[in-house]
Amino acid sequence: MADTVALPAITLRSLDAGWNYERWERELPDDGNRYEVIEGVLYMTTAPGYFHQWIVRRLDQYIGVPLEQQGLAYAATAPIGVLMPGCDPVQPDFVLVRRDRAGIISERRIRGVPDLIAEVLSPSNPEQDTVIKRRVYARAGVPEYWIIRPETRDVLVCRNPDAALGDYAFTLLVGAAETLSAHPFPIAVPVAELFAGSPDTTA
């Protein structure tokens, strides 16, 4: 029997920067791939692997659901369209919106800047999350951005966005033996719990 090889997620981008939300709604197929428009450029990413989705589900289980049950926030996971400056739209892996800002959730989309965005890093295309999205999220004013790194089992927390700089003024690497806090939400999760228990940990 031939060995099977897990294929990495693949990201493609358009050659032009003429994309927007209207074209995204009108022209793209519902084929299981993730389509995002960042600063006018269309990015297509193939469906993520099991371990990626496991981590996203853990974020929802340990952060999203408890905060919703406490009446403090609303959570969403991809696929979800988030429309904000420079993003027309993006589809983050995990999003939090404070309950008192629920008005930005309307007409099937999140139409404004979420209070927290988390992306699970893809080893085949790390610059998508570490460079491109980090820049555009900072420019849009996303207060807190998490880059979750499955290969090293840690989380890079980015806070205090600087729109002019296109980056975050504060970064903190939270290791596997440490606890992750969702600022300003009253919740803390051991980082190791985000990765533990999956039957397949192929990044």
N, C-alpha and C. Protein backbone atom coordinates (compact mmCIF):
# COMPACT_ATOMS: atom_id res chain seq x y z
N MET A 1 0.85 -1.20 0.00
CA MET A 1 0.00 0.00 0.00
C MET A 1 0.88 1.24 0.00
N ALA A 2 0.57 2.19 -0.87
CA ALA A 2 1.37 3.41 -0.97
C ALA A 2 1.12 4.31 0.23
N ASP A 3 2.20 4.99 0.68
CA ASP A 3 2.06 5.94 1.77
C ASP A 3 1.24 7.13 1.31
N THR A 4 0.44 7.67 2.22
CA THR A 4 -0.31 8.89 1.91
C THR A 4 0.42 10.07 2.52
N VAL A 5 0.39 11.18 1.84
CA VAL A 5 1.06 12.38 2.30
C VAL A 5 0.03 13.48 2.48
N ALA A 6 0.03 14.11 3.65
CA ALA A 6 -0.89 15.22 3.89
C ALA A 6 -0.44 16.43 3.08
N LEU A 7 -1.34 16.96 2.32
CA LEU A 7 -1.01 18.13 1.51
C LEU A 7 -1.18 19.40 2.32
N PRO A 8 -0.24 20.33 2.21
CA PRO A 8 -0.36 21.58 2.96
C PRO A 8 -1.44 22.48 2.37
N ALA A 9 -1.93 23.38 3.19
CA ALA A 9 -2.84 24.39 2.66
C ALA A 9 -2.08 25.26 1.67
N ILE A 10 -2.71 25.63 0.60
CA ILE A 10 -2.07 26.42 -0.45
C ILE A 10 -2.79 27.75 -0.57
N THR A 11 -2.04 28.84 -0.68
CA THR A 11 -2.61 30.17 -0.85
C THR A 11 -2.21 30.74 -2.19
N LEU A 12 -3.19 31.22 -2.93
CA LEU A 12 -2.97 31.88 -4.21
C LEU A 12 -3.47 33.30 -4.10
N ARG A 13 -2.89 34.21 -4.90
CA ARG A 13 -3.33 35.60 -4.88
C ARG A 13 -3.54 36.10 -6.29
N SER A 14 -4.46 37.08 -6.43
CA SER A 14 -4.73 37.65 -7.74
C SER A 14 -3.58 38.55 -8.17
N LEU A 15 -3.44 38.74 -9.48
CA LEU A 15 -2.39 39.60 -10.01
C LEU A 15 -2.79 41.07 -9.92
N ASP A 16 -4.09 41.32 -9.85
CA ASP A 16 -4.56 42.71 -9.79
C ASP A 16 -5.05 43.04 -8.39
N ALA A 17 -5.24 44.33 -8.11
CA ALA A 17 -5.72 44.79 -6.81
C ALA A 17 -7.07 45.48 -6.97
N GLY A 18 -7.91 44.92 -7.85
CA GLY A 18 -9.20 45.52 -8.14
C GLY A 18 -10.38 44.80 -7.53
N TRP A 19 -10.11 44.01 -6.51
CA TRP A 19 -11.19 43.26 -5.88
C TRP A 19 -11.83 44.06 -4.75
N ASN A 20 -13.13 43.78 -4.52
CA ASN A 20 -13.85 44.40 -3.41
C ASN A 20 -14.96 43.45 -2.96
N TYR A 21 -15.73 43.90 -1.98
CA TYR A 21 -16.76 43.03 -1.41
C TYR A 21 -17.82 42.64 -2.43
N GLU A 22 -18.21 43.58 -3.29
CA GLU A 22 -19.23 43.29 -4.29
C GLU A 22 -18.78 42.17 -5.23
N ARG A 23 -17.54 42.24 -5.71
CA ARG A 23 -17.01 41.18 -6.58
C ARG A 23 -16.90 39.86 -5.81
N TRP A 24 -16.47 39.95 -4.55
CA TRP A 24 -16.33 38.77 -3.71
C TRP A 24 -17.67 38.04 -3.58
N GLU A 25 -18.76 38.79 -3.36
CA GLU A 25 -20.09 38.21 -3.22
C GLU A 25 -20.59 37.64 -4.55
N ARG A 26 -20.29 38.34 -5.64
CA ARG A 26 -20.89 38.03 -6.93
C ARG A 26 -20.15 36.94 -7.72
N GLU A 27 -18.81 36.93 -7.66
CA GLU A 27 -18.04 36.15 -8.62
C GLU A 27 -17.42 34.86 -8.10
N LEU A 28 -17.38 34.67 -6.79
CA LEU A 28 -16.62 33.54 -6.27
C LEU A 28 -17.50 32.33 -5.97
N PRO A 29 -16.97 31.13 -6.23
CA PRO A 29 -17.76 29.91 -5.99
C PRO A 29 -17.79 29.54 -4.52
N ASP A 30 -18.80 28.78 -4.15
CA ASP A 30 -18.90 28.22 -2.80
C ASP A 30 -18.31 26.81 -2.88
N ASP A 31 -16.97 26.72 -2.83
CA ASP A 31 -16.28 25.47 -3.10
C ASP A 31 -15.46 24.95 -1.93
N GLY A 32 -15.64 25.53 -0.75
CA GLY A 32 -14.90 25.06 0.42
C GLY A 32 -13.58 25.76 0.63
N ASN A 33 -13.13 26.55 -0.34
CA ASN A 33 -11.91 27.33 -0.17
C ASN A 33 -12.23 28.64 0.53
N ARG A 34 -11.19 29.27 1.07
CA ARG A 34 -11.37 30.55 1.76
C ARG A 34 -10.90 31.67 0.84
N TYR A 35 -11.82 32.61 0.56
CA TYR A 35 -11.49 33.76 -0.29
C TYR A 35 -11.52 35.03 0.56
N GLU A 36 -10.44 35.82 0.47
CA GLU A 36 -10.35 37.05 1.23
C GLU A 36 -9.83 38.16 0.32
N VAL A 37 -10.28 39.39 0.57
CA VAL A 37 -9.81 40.55 -0.18
C VAL A 37 -9.09 41.47 0.79
N ILE A 38 -7.78 41.60 0.62
CA ILE A 38 -6.96 42.42 1.50
C ILE A 38 -6.29 43.50 0.68
N GLU A 39 -6.64 44.74 0.97
CA GLU A 39 -6.11 45.89 0.24
C GLU A 39 -6.28 45.71 -1.27
N GLY A 40 -7.47 45.20 -1.66
CA GLY A 40 -7.82 45.05 -3.05
C GLY A 40 -7.34 43.79 -3.73
N VAL A 41 -6.49 43.02 -3.07
CA VAL A 41 -5.96 41.78 -3.64
C VAL A 41 -6.77 40.59 -3.14
N LEU A 42 -7.15 39.70 -4.06
CA LEU A 42 -7.89 38.50 -3.70
C LEU A 42 -6.92 37.39 -3.33
N TYR A 43 -7.14 36.80 -2.16
CA TYR A 43 -6.36 35.65 -1.72
C TYR A 43 -7.28 34.44 -1.61
N MET A 44 -6.83 33.31 -2.15
CA MET A 44 -7.58 32.07 -2.04
C MET A 44 -6.73 31.06 -1.28
N THR A 45 -7.27 30.50 -0.21
CA THR A 45 -6.57 29.49 0.57
C THR A 45 -7.39 28.22 0.56
N THR A 46 -6.73 27.09 0.30
CA THR A 46 -7.44 25.82 0.29
C THR A 46 -7.89 25.45 1.70
N ALA A 47 -8.79 24.49 1.79
CA ALA A 47 -9.37 24.10 3.08
C ALA A 47 -8.27 23.68 4.05
N PRO A 48 -8.35 24.11 5.32
CA PRO A 48 -7.32 23.77 6.30
C PRO A 48 -7.39 22.32 6.72
N GLY A 49 -6.30 21.85 7.36
CA GLY A 49 -6.24 20.48 7.84
C GLY A 49 -6.96 20.28 9.15
N TYR A 50 -6.98 19.02 9.60
CA TYR A 50 -7.72 18.66 10.80
C TYR A 50 -7.17 19.36 12.04
N PHE A 51 -5.84 19.36 12.21
CA PHE A 51 -5.25 19.94 13.42
C PHE A 51 -5.55 21.43 13.51
N HIS A 52 -5.51 22.11 12.37
CA HIS A 52 -5.87 23.52 12.30
C HIS A 52 -7.28 23.73 12.84
N GLN A 53 -8.22 22.92 12.36
CA GLN A 53 -9.61 23.06 12.79
C GLN A 53 -9.80 22.65 14.25
N TRP A 54 -9.01 21.68 14.71
CA TRP A 54 -9.05 21.29 16.12
C TRP A 54 -8.74 22.48 17.01
N ILE A 55 -7.69 23.22 16.65
CA ILE A 55 -7.28 24.38 17.45
C ILE A 55 -8.36 25.46 17.44
N VAL A 56 -8.96 25.69 16.28
CA VAL A 56 -10.04 26.68 16.19
C VAL A 56 -11.21 26.28 17.09
N ARG A 57 -11.52 25.00 17.10
CA ARG A 57 -12.61 24.52 17.96
C ARG A 57 -12.28 24.69 19.43
N ARG A 58 -11.00 24.50 19.79
CA ARG A 58 -10.59 24.72 21.18
C ARG A 58 -10.73 26.19 21.58
N LEU A 59 -10.39 27.08 20.66
CA LEU A 59 -10.58 28.51 20.93
C LEU A 59 -12.04 28.81 21.23
N ASP A 60 -12.92 28.23 20.45
CA ASP A 60 -14.34 28.46 20.66
C ASP A 60 -14.80 27.82 21.97
N GLN A 61 -14.30 26.62 22.26
CA GLN A 61 -14.71 25.91 23.47
C GLN A 61 -14.25 26.62 24.74
N TYR A 62 -13.00 27.06 24.77
CA TYR A 62 -12.42 27.61 25.99
C TYR A 62 -12.58 29.12 26.13
N ILE A 63 -12.85 29.80 25.01
CA ILE A 63 -12.96 31.26 25.05
C ILE A 63 -14.32 31.73 24.55
N GLY A 64 -14.67 31.34 23.33
CA GLY A 64 -15.90 31.84 22.72
C GLY A 64 -17.15 31.46 23.50
N VAL A 65 -17.34 30.17 23.76
CA VAL A 65 -18.55 29.71 24.43
C VAL A 65 -18.67 30.27 25.85
N PRO A 66 -17.60 30.21 26.68
CA PRO A 66 -17.72 30.78 28.03
C PRO A 66 -18.07 32.27 28.04
N LEU A 67 -17.47 33.03 27.13
CA LEU A 67 -17.77 34.46 27.10
C LEU A 67 -19.19 34.73 26.63
N GLU A 68 -19.68 33.92 25.71
CA GLU A 68 -21.08 34.06 25.30
C GLU A 68 -22.01 33.71 26.46
N GLN A 69 -21.69 32.65 27.19
CA GLN A 69 -22.52 32.22 28.31
C GLN A 69 -22.54 33.26 29.43
N GLN A 70 -21.44 34.01 29.57
CA GLN A 70 -21.38 35.07 30.57
C GLN A 70 -22.02 36.37 30.08
N GLY A 71 -22.46 36.39 28.83
CA GLY A 71 -23.08 37.58 28.28
C GLY A 71 -22.11 38.71 27.99
N LEU A 72 -20.84 38.36 27.73
CA LEU A 72 -19.81 39.37 27.55
C LEU A 72 -19.40 39.59 26.10
N ALA A 73 -19.56 38.57 25.26
CA ALA A 73 -19.07 38.69 23.89
C ALA A 73 -19.80 37.71 22.98
N TYR A 74 -19.63 37.94 21.68
CA TYR A 74 -20.07 37.00 20.66
C TYR A 74 -18.84 36.50 19.92
N ALA A 75 -18.83 35.21 19.62
CA ALA A 75 -17.69 34.61 18.93
C ALA A 75 -18.12 34.09 17.57
N ALA A 76 -17.16 34.03 16.64
CA ALA A 76 -17.41 33.46 15.32
C ALA A 76 -16.15 32.79 14.84
N THR A 77 -16.32 31.75 14.04
CA THR A 77 -15.19 31.07 13.42
C THR A 77 -15.39 31.05 11.91
N ALA A 78 -14.28 30.89 11.19
CA ALA A 78 -14.36 30.86 9.72
C ALA A 78 -15.20 29.66 9.28
N PRO A 79 -15.94 29.81 8.17
CA PRO A 79 -15.98 31.00 7.30
C PRO A 79 -16.96 32.06 7.80
N ILE A 80 -16.45 33.28 7.93
CA ILE A 80 -17.28 34.44 8.29
C ILE A 80 -16.65 35.67 7.65
N GLY A 81 -17.42 36.48 7.02
CA GLY A 81 -16.88 37.68 6.38
C GLY A 81 -16.78 38.82 7.37
N VAL A 82 -15.57 39.38 7.51
CA VAL A 82 -15.35 40.56 8.36
C VAL A 82 -14.97 41.72 7.46
N LEU A 83 -15.78 42.77 7.49
CA LEU A 83 -15.57 43.95 6.65
C LEU A 83 -15.09 45.10 7.52
N MET A 84 -13.88 45.57 7.25
CA MET A 84 -13.30 46.70 7.98
C MET A 84 -12.23 47.31 7.08
N PRO A 85 -11.67 48.46 7.44
CA PRO A 85 -10.71 49.12 6.55
C PRO A 85 -9.59 48.19 6.09
N GLY A 86 -9.39 48.11 4.77
CA GLY A 86 -8.35 47.26 4.20
C GLY A 86 -8.76 45.82 4.02
N CYS A 87 -9.91 45.44 4.55
CA CYS A 87 -10.40 44.06 4.50
C CYS A 87 -11.79 44.07 3.90
N ASP A 88 -11.94 43.41 2.75
CA ASP A 88 -13.16 43.62 1.97
C ASP A 88 -13.74 42.33 1.36
N PRO A 89 -13.86 41.22 2.08
CA PRO A 89 -13.64 41.00 3.50
C PRO A 89 -12.44 40.08 3.75
N VAL A 90 -12.16 39.86 5.06
CA VAL A 90 -11.28 38.77 5.49
C VAL A 90 -12.13 37.73 6.21
N GLN A 91 -11.55 36.53 6.35
CA GLN A 91 -12.24 35.44 7.05
C GLN A 91 -11.31 34.86 8.12
N PRO A 92 -11.21 35.53 9.25
CA PRO A 92 -10.31 35.06 10.31
C PRO A 92 -10.76 33.71 10.86
N ASP A 93 -9.80 32.99 11.45
CA ASP A 93 -10.13 31.71 12.06
C ASP A 93 -11.06 31.87 13.25
N PHE A 94 -10.84 32.91 14.05
CA PHE A 94 -11.63 33.11 15.27
C PHE A 94 -11.76 34.60 15.55
N VAL A 95 -12.96 35.02 15.93
CA VAL A 95 -13.25 36.45 16.15
C VAL A 95 -14.08 36.60 17.41
N LEU A 96 -13.77 37.66 18.18
CA LEU A 96 -14.60 38.04 19.32
C LEU A 96 -15.09 39.47 19.14
N VAL A 97 -16.36 39.67 19.45
CA VAL A 97 -16.96 41.00 19.46
C VAL A 97 -17.64 41.19 20.81
N ARG A 98 -17.28 42.27 21.51
CA ARG A 98 -17.90 42.53 22.80
C ARG A 98 -19.42 42.68 22.65
N ARG A 99 -20.12 42.26 23.66
CA ARG A 99 -21.58 42.27 23.62
C ARG A 99 -22.12 43.69 23.39
N ASP A 100 -21.47 44.69 23.99
CA ASP A 100 -21.97 46.05 23.83
C ASP A 100 -21.68 46.63 22.46
N ARG A 101 -20.97 45.89 21.62
CA ARG A 101 -20.68 46.32 20.25
C ARG A 101 -21.35 45.41 19.23
N ALA A 102 -22.38 44.69 19.65
CA ALA A 102 -23.03 43.70 18.79
C ALA A 102 -23.64 44.30 17.53
N GLY A 103 -23.81 45.62 17.51
CA GLY A 103 -24.38 46.28 16.34
C GLY A 103 -23.57 46.12 15.07
N ILE A 104 -22.27 45.79 15.21
CA ILE A 104 -21.46 45.61 14.00
C ILE A 104 -21.72 44.25 13.34
N ILE A 105 -22.46 43.39 14.02
CA ILE A 105 -22.84 42.10 13.43
C ILE A 105 -24.20 42.27 12.77
N SER A 106 -24.21 42.33 11.44
CA SER A 106 -25.47 42.57 10.74
C SER A 106 -25.38 42.07 9.30
N GLU A 107 -26.52 41.71 8.75
CA GLU A 107 -26.63 41.28 7.36
C GLU A 107 -25.60 40.20 7.02
N ARG A 108 -25.51 39.19 7.87
CA ARG A 108 -24.70 38.00 7.68
C ARG A 108 -23.21 38.20 7.85
N ARG A 109 -22.76 39.41 8.16
CA ARG A 109 -21.33 39.70 8.25
C ARG A 109 -21.01 40.46 9.54
N ILE A 110 -19.72 40.59 9.81
CA ILE A 110 -19.25 41.49 10.86
C ILE A 110 -18.76 42.74 10.16
N ARG A 111 -19.46 43.83 10.36
CA ARG A 111 -19.21 45.06 9.60
C ARG A 111 -18.59 46.11 10.53
N GLY A 112 -17.34 45.87 10.87
CA GLY A 112 -16.62 46.75 11.78
C GLY A 112 -15.42 46.00 12.34
N VAL A 113 -14.72 46.65 13.25
CA VAL A 113 -13.48 46.09 13.79
C VAL A 113 -13.79 45.22 15.01
N PRO A 114 -13.50 43.91 14.94
CA PRO A 114 -13.70 43.04 16.10
C PRO A 114 -12.78 43.43 17.25
N ASP A 115 -13.09 42.92 18.44
CA ASP A 115 -12.27 43.21 19.62
C ASP A 115 -11.07 42.27 19.73
N LEU A 116 -11.16 41.12 19.10
CA LEU A 116 -10.03 40.18 19.06
C LEU A 116 -10.15 39.33 17.81
N ILE A 117 -9.01 39.12 17.16
CA ILE A 117 -8.92 38.19 16.03
C ILE A 117 -7.79 37.22 16.30
N ALA A 118 -8.03 35.95 16.03
CA ALA A 118 -6.98 34.93 16.14
C ALA A 118 -6.86 34.18 14.82
N GLU A 119 -5.62 33.96 14.39
CA GLU A 119 -5.34 33.16 13.20
C GLU A 119 -4.42 32.01 13.59
N VAL A 120 -4.71 30.83 13.06
CA VAL A 120 -3.86 29.67 13.27
C VAL A 120 -2.88 29.60 12.11
N LEU A 121 -1.60 29.65 12.43
CA LEU A 121 -0.56 29.78 11.42
C LEU A 121 -0.47 28.53 10.54
N SER A 122 -0.37 28.77 9.23
CA SER A 122 -0.15 27.68 8.29
C SER A 122 1.34 27.61 7.96
N PRO A 123 1.99 26.47 8.17
CA PRO A 123 3.43 26.38 7.91
C PRO A 123 3.79 26.56 6.44
N SER A 124 2.83 26.32 5.54
CA SER A 124 3.12 26.45 4.12
C SER A 124 3.11 27.90 3.65
N ASN A 125 2.46 28.79 4.42
CA ASN A 125 2.37 30.18 4.00
C ASN A 125 2.28 31.09 5.22
N PRO A 126 3.32 31.12 6.07
CA PRO A 126 3.23 31.88 7.33
C PRO A 126 3.11 33.38 7.14
N GLU A 127 3.65 33.91 6.04
CA GLU A 127 3.61 35.36 5.85
C GLU A 127 2.19 35.90 5.68
N GLN A 128 1.25 35.03 5.32
CA GLN A 128 -0.14 35.47 5.20
C GLN A 128 -0.65 36.04 6.53
N ASP A 129 -0.30 35.36 7.62
CA ASP A 129 -0.76 35.78 8.95
C ASP A 129 0.25 36.67 9.66
N THR A 130 1.55 36.40 9.48
CA THR A 130 2.57 37.12 10.24
C THR A 130 2.95 38.47 9.64
N VAL A 131 2.69 38.64 8.35
CA VAL A 131 3.06 39.90 7.68
C VAL A 131 1.82 40.62 7.14
N ILE A 132 1.13 39.98 6.20
CA ILE A 132 0.03 40.64 5.48
C ILE A 132 -1.13 40.98 6.43
N LYS A 133 -1.63 39.97 7.14
CA LYS A 133 -2.77 40.21 8.02
C LYS A 133 -2.36 41.02 9.25
N ARG A 134 -1.16 40.78 9.76
CA ARG A 134 -0.71 41.58 10.90
C ARG A 134 -0.70 43.06 10.54
N ARG A 135 -0.24 43.39 9.35
CA ARG A 135 -0.20 44.78 8.91
C ARG A 135 -1.60 45.36 8.76
N VAL A 136 -2.47 44.65 8.08
CA VAL A 136 -3.80 45.20 7.79
C VAL A 136 -4.66 45.24 9.05
N TYR A 137 -4.49 44.27 9.95
CA TYR A 137 -5.25 44.30 11.20
C TYR A 137 -4.81 45.48 12.07
N ALA A 138 -3.52 45.75 12.09
CA ALA A 138 -3.02 46.90 12.86
C ALA A 138 -3.54 48.20 12.27
N ARG A 139 -3.52 48.31 10.95
CA ARG A 139 -4.02 49.53 10.29
C ARG A 139 -5.51 49.72 10.52
N ALA A 140 -6.26 48.62 10.59
CA ALA A 140 -7.70 48.71 10.81
C ALA A 140 -8.03 49.03 12.27
N GLY A 141 -7.05 48.83 13.17
CA GLY A 141 -7.27 49.13 14.58
C GLY A 141 -7.78 47.97 15.41
N VAL A 142 -7.55 46.72 14.96
CA VAL A 142 -7.95 45.56 15.76
C VAL A 142 -7.15 45.58 17.07
N PRO A 143 -7.82 45.68 18.23
CA PRO A 143 -7.10 45.89 19.49
C PRO A 143 -6.16 44.76 19.86
N GLU A 144 -6.55 43.53 19.53
CA GLU A 144 -5.73 42.39 19.93
C GLU A 144 -5.76 41.34 18.81
N TYR A 145 -4.56 40.88 18.45
CA TYR A 145 -4.40 39.90 17.37
C TYR A 145 -3.51 38.77 17.88
N TRP A 146 -4.03 37.54 17.79
CA TRP A 146 -3.26 36.36 18.21
C TRP A 146 -2.81 35.59 16.97
N ILE A 147 -1.54 35.24 16.93
CA ILE A 147 -1.01 34.33 15.92
C ILE A 147 -0.68 33.03 16.63
N ILE A 148 -1.46 32.00 16.37
CA ILE A 148 -1.31 30.72 17.05
C ILE A 148 -0.43 29.82 16.19
N ARG A 149 0.65 29.31 16.78
CA ARG A 149 1.67 28.59 16.02
C ARG A 149 1.68 27.11 16.43
N PRO A 150 1.04 26.26 15.61
CA PRO A 150 0.94 24.83 15.96
C PRO A 150 2.29 24.13 16.05
N GLU A 151 3.24 24.47 15.21
CA GLU A 151 4.52 23.76 15.20
C GLU A 151 5.29 23.96 16.49
N THR A 152 5.23 25.15 17.06
CA THR A 152 5.98 25.45 18.29
C THR A 152 5.08 25.47 19.52
N ARG A 153 3.77 25.23 19.33
CA ARG A 153 2.81 25.16 20.43
C ARG A 153 2.82 26.42 21.28
N ASP A 154 2.77 27.57 20.64
CA ASP A 154 2.74 28.83 21.38
C ASP A 154 1.86 29.84 20.65
N VAL A 155 1.70 31.01 21.27
CA VAL A 155 0.83 32.04 20.72
C VAL A 155 1.56 33.38 20.81
N LEU A 156 1.61 34.09 19.67
CA LEU A 156 2.15 35.45 19.66
C LEU A 156 0.99 36.41 19.82
N VAL A 157 0.98 37.15 20.92
CA VAL A 157 -0.09 38.11 21.22
C VAL A 157 0.37 39.50 20.80
N CYS A 158 -0.43 40.14 19.95
CA CYS A 158 -0.11 41.50 19.47
C CYS A 158 -1.19 42.45 19.98
N ARG A 159 -0.76 43.55 20.63
CA ARG A 159 -1.69 44.54 21.16
C ARG A 159 -1.21 45.95 20.84
N ASN A 160 -2.08 46.91 21.06
CA ASN A 160 -1.79 48.34 20.83
C ASN A 160 -1.46 48.61 19.36
N PRO A 161 -2.46 48.52 18.48
CA PRO A 161 -2.21 48.74 17.06
C PRO A 161 -1.80 50.17 16.75
N ASP A 162 -0.85 50.32 15.84
CA ASP A 162 -0.39 51.62 15.37
C ASP A 162 -0.72 51.69 13.88
N ALA A 163 -1.79 52.41 13.54
CA ALA A 163 -2.25 52.46 12.15
C ALA A 163 -1.20 53.04 11.22
N ALA A 164 -0.52 54.09 11.66
CA ALA A 164 0.49 54.72 10.81
C ALA A 164 1.66 53.79 10.55
N LEU A 165 2.05 53.04 11.57
CA LEU A 165 3.17 52.12 11.45
C LEU A 165 2.77 50.83 10.73
N GLY A 166 1.50 50.49 10.81
CA GLY A 166 1.04 49.23 10.23
C GLY A 166 1.55 48.04 11.01
N ASP A 167 1.61 48.19 12.34
CA ASP A 167 2.09 47.11 13.19
C ASP A 167 1.58 47.34 14.62
N TYR A 168 1.92 46.40 15.48
CA TYR A 168 1.50 46.48 16.87
C TYR A 168 2.67 46.94 17.74
N ALA A 169 2.37 47.81 18.68
CA ALA A 169 3.42 48.36 19.54
C ALA A 169 3.82 47.40 20.65
N PHE A 170 2.97 46.43 20.95
CA PHE A 170 3.26 45.48 22.02
C PHE A 170 3.08 44.07 21.50
N THR A 171 4.08 43.22 21.70
CA THR A 171 3.96 41.79 21.37
C THR A 171 4.46 40.96 22.54
N LEU A 172 3.84 39.81 22.72
CA LEU A 172 4.20 38.91 23.81
C LEU A 172 4.07 37.48 23.31
N LEU A 173 5.13 36.69 23.47
CA LEU A 173 5.09 35.28 23.10
C LEU A 173 4.69 34.47 24.33
N VAL A 174 3.56 33.78 24.23
CA VAL A 174 3.03 32.99 25.34
C VAL A 174 3.29 31.52 25.03
N GLY A 175 4.14 30.89 25.84
CA GLY A 175 4.59 29.53 25.58
C GLY A 175 3.61 28.47 26.04
N ALA A 176 3.94 27.22 25.69
CA ALA A 176 3.06 26.08 25.95
C ALA A 176 2.78 25.88 27.43
N ALA A 177 3.71 26.26 28.30
CA ALA A 177 3.53 26.06 29.74
C ALA A 177 2.86 27.26 30.41
N GLU A 178 2.46 28.25 29.62
CA GLU A 178 1.90 29.49 30.17
C GLU A 178 0.40 29.58 29.92
N THR A 179 -0.19 30.63 30.47
CA THR A 179 -1.63 30.85 30.35
C THR A 179 -1.91 32.04 29.45
N LEU A 180 -2.86 31.88 28.57
CA LEU A 180 -3.23 32.91 27.61
C LEU A 180 -4.42 33.69 28.12
N SER A 181 -4.30 35.01 28.19
CA SER A 181 -5.40 35.87 28.62
C SER A 181 -5.99 36.59 27.43
N ALA A 182 -7.31 36.69 27.41
CA ALA A 182 -8.01 37.37 26.33
C ALA A 182 -8.36 38.78 26.78
N HIS A 183 -7.43 39.69 26.65
CA HIS A 183 -7.62 41.07 27.10
C HIS A 183 -8.68 41.75 26.25
N PRO A 184 -9.68 42.45 26.81
CA PRO A 184 -9.91 42.73 28.23
C PRO A 184 -10.91 41.78 28.87
N PHE A 185 -11.06 40.59 28.31
CA PHE A 185 -12.08 39.67 28.80
C PHE A 185 -11.57 38.88 30.02
N PRO A 186 -12.46 38.58 30.97
CA PRO A 186 -12.05 37.88 32.20
C PRO A 186 -11.96 36.38 31.98
N ILE A 187 -10.99 35.96 31.19
CA ILE A 187 -10.84 34.54 30.91
C ILE A 187 -9.37 34.25 30.67
N ALA A 188 -8.93 33.04 31.07
CA ALA A 188 -7.55 32.63 30.86
C ALA A 188 -7.53 31.15 30.52
N VAL A 189 -6.68 30.77 29.57
CA VAL A 189 -6.63 29.40 29.08
C VAL A 189 -5.18 28.93 29.03
N PRO A 190 -4.87 27.75 29.59
CA PRO A 190 -3.53 27.19 29.41
C PRO A 190 -3.26 26.96 27.92
N VAL A 191 -2.17 27.49 27.42
CA VAL A 191 -1.88 27.39 25.99
C VAL A 191 -1.86 25.93 25.53
N ALA A 192 -1.33 25.05 26.36
CA ALA A 192 -1.24 23.64 25.99
C ALA A 192 -2.60 23.04 25.66
N GLU A 193 -3.67 23.55 26.29
CA GLU A 193 -5.01 23.02 26.06
C GLU A 193 -5.49 23.25 24.63
N LEU A 194 -4.95 24.27 23.97
CA LEU A 194 -5.37 24.55 22.59
C LEU A 194 -4.92 23.46 21.63
N PHE A 195 -3.87 22.74 21.99
CA PHE A 195 -3.27 21.77 21.09
C PHE A 195 -3.47 20.32 21.55
N ALA A 196 -3.82 20.12 22.81
CA ALA A 196 -3.86 18.77 23.41
C ALA A 196 -5.05 17.95 22.91
N GLY A 197 -4.79 16.66 22.73
CA GLY A 197 -5.87 15.71 22.50
C GLY A 197 -6.20 15.39 21.06
N SER A 198 -5.64 16.12 20.10
CA SER A 198 -5.98 15.87 18.71
C SER A 198 -5.40 14.54 18.24
N PRO A 199 -6.19 13.71 17.52
CA PRO A 199 -5.65 12.45 17.02
C PRO A 199 -4.66 12.62 15.89
N ASP A 200 -4.62 13.81 15.29
CA ASP A 200 -3.67 14.10 14.22
C ASP A 200 -3.10 15.49 14.48
N THR A 201 -1.79 15.57 14.66
CA THR A 201 -1.16 16.87 14.92
C THR A 201 -0.28 17.32 13.77
N THR A 202 -0.60 16.85 12.57
CA THR A 202 0.12 17.30 11.40
C THR A 202 -0.21 18.76 11.14
N ALA A 203 0.80 19.63 11.19
CA ALA A 203 0.55 21.06 11.03
C ALA A 203 0.30 21.41 9.58
